[in-house]
Amino acid sequence: MAVIVKYVVERNGEEKMTFTSKAEADAYDKMLDMADELFGLLGKSELIEDEAKQEDLAMFLAQNKEELLFALGAKRRPAPKKAKKVAAVEDAEQQEDAA
């Protein structure tokens, strides 16, 4: 017989999702916390009166946290790796030419 450990994320007595990894369960729970905070913020705006749409938008923003942080300017996008490699090769070539 196999023993299987499952991590269940529960909100208000309702099971939301089950994971096999504690880290994944914690990340999902954190995302739900963020969605709850965003829902409250969206409710203050009065731009979207439909609570279901507010909830959907809050969940979308929480699920796309990285893109949201980039859009808000709170986080910078990493430089493309190709550009760094090309620049390193060009620098090496220039140093060889100088020698």
Protein backbone atom coordinates (compact mmCIF):
# COMPACT_ATOMS: atom_id res chain seq x y z
CA MET A 1 0.00 0.00 0.00
CA ALA A 2 1.29 3.45 -0.92
CA VAL A 3 1.10 6.51 1.28
CA ILE A 4 0.37 9.71 -0.63
CA VAL A 5 0.78 13.10 0.97
CA LYS A 6 -1.56 15.78 -0.34
CA TYR A 7 -1.66 19.46 0.48
CA VAL A 8 -5.11 21.01 0.27
CA VAL A 9 -5.68 24.74 -0.09
CA GLU A 10 -8.94 25.65 1.59
CA ARG A 11 -10.75 28.99 1.72
CA ASN A 12 -13.84 29.67 3.83
CA GLY A 13 -14.37 25.95 4.35
CA GLU A 14 -14.22 25.26 0.60
CA GLU A 15 -11.49 23.12 -0.95
CA LYS A 16 -9.88 25.15 -3.73
CA MET A 17 -7.02 22.98 -4.96
CA THR A 18 -4.95 19.93 -4.01
CA PHE A 19 -1.19 19.68 -4.50
CA THR A 20 1.49 17.06 -3.96
CA SER A 21 4.08 19.70 -3.03
CA LYS A 22 3.91 22.01 -0.01
CA ALA A 23 5.73 24.73 -1.98
CA GLU A 24 3.10 24.64 -4.75
CA ALA A 25 0.28 24.74 -2.19
CA ASP A 26 1.87 27.71 -0.42
CA ALA A 27 2.37 29.57 -3.71
CA TYR A 28 -1.29 29.01 -4.67
CA ASP A 29 -2.45 30.15 -1.23
CA LYS A 30 -0.33 33.28 -1.55
CA MET A 31 -1.82 33.95 -5.00
CA LEU A 32 -5.33 33.64 -3.51
CA ASP A 33 -4.36 36.13 -0.77
CA MET A 34 -3.22 38.55 -3.45
CA ALA A 35 -6.47 38.08 -5.39
CA ASP A 36 -8.44 38.86 -2.21
CA GLU A 37 -6.51 42.11 -1.73
CA LEU A 38 -6.93 43.07 -5.38
CA PHE A 39 -10.66 42.33 -5.17
CA GLY A 40 -10.96 44.81 -2.29
CA LEU A 41 -9.04 47.43 -4.27
CA LEU A 42 -11.19 46.92 -7.36
CA GLY A 43 -14.32 47.24 -5.23
CA LYS A 44 -13.21 50.70 -4.09
CA SER A 45 -12.89 51.91 -7.68
CA GLU A 46 -16.60 51.59 -8.57
CA LEU A 47 -15.50 51.11 -12.20
CA ILE A 48 -16.71 47.52 -12.25
CA GLU A 49 -20.00 47.04 -10.43
CA ASP A 50 -20.37 43.32 -11.13
CA GLU A 51 -18.67 41.48 -8.24
CA ALA A 52 -18.11 38.36 -10.36
CA LYS A 53 -16.16 40.43 -12.89
CA GLN A 54 -14.21 42.09 -10.07
CA GLU A 55 -13.33 38.66 -8.72
CA ASP A 56 -12.33 37.37 -12.17
CA LEU A 57 -10.14 40.42 -12.80
CA ALA A 58 -8.55 40.17 -9.36
CA MET A 59 -7.73 36.50 -9.99
CA PHE A 60 -6.33 37.31 -13.45
CA LEU A 61 -4.08 40.02 -12.03
CA ALA A 62 -2.89 37.76 -9.20
CA GLN A 63 -2.15 34.92 -11.65
CA ASN A 64 -0.15 37.35 -13.79
CA LYS A 65 1.69 38.98 -10.90
CA GLU A 66 5.04 39.25 -12.69
CA GLU A 67 3.55 41.04 -15.70
CA LEU A 68 1.57 43.32 -13.37
CA LEU A 69 4.73 44.26 -11.48
CA PHE A 70 6.48 45.06 -14.76
CA ALA A 71 3.51 47.17 -15.89
CA LEU A 72 3.46 49.09 -12.59
CA GLY A 73 7.19 49.72 -12.80
CA ALA A 74 7.77 47.91 -9.53
CA LYS A 75 10.04 45.42 -11.23
CA ARG A 76 12.33 45.60 -14.24
CA ARG A 77 12.30 43.06 -17.02
CA PRO A 78 15.51 41.05 -17.20
CA ALA A 79 17.76 41.83 -20.13
CA PRO A 80 17.60 39.23 -22.91
CA LYS A 81 20.29 36.59 -22.47
CA LYS A 82 21.20 36.62 -26.18
CA ALA A 83 22.12 40.29 -26.02
CA LYS A 84 24.50 39.65 -23.13
CA LYS A 85 26.17 36.77 -24.96
CA VAL A 86 26.53 38.80 -28.16
CA ALA A 87 27.99 41.74 -26.22
CA ALA A 88 30.45 39.42 -24.45
CA VAL A 89 31.58 37.94 -27.77
CA GLU A 90 31.98 41.41 -29.30
CA ASP A 91 34.01 42.57 -26.25
CA ALA A 92 36.27 39.52 -26.54
CA GLU A 93 36.77 40.18 -30.27
CA GLN A 94 37.62 43.82 -29.62
CA GLN A 95 40.16 42.84 -26.97
CA GLU A 96 41.76 40.36 -29.41
CA ASP A 97 41.93 43.03 -32.12
CA ALA A 98 43.53 45.51 -29.70
CA ALA A 99 46.25 43.01 -28.75
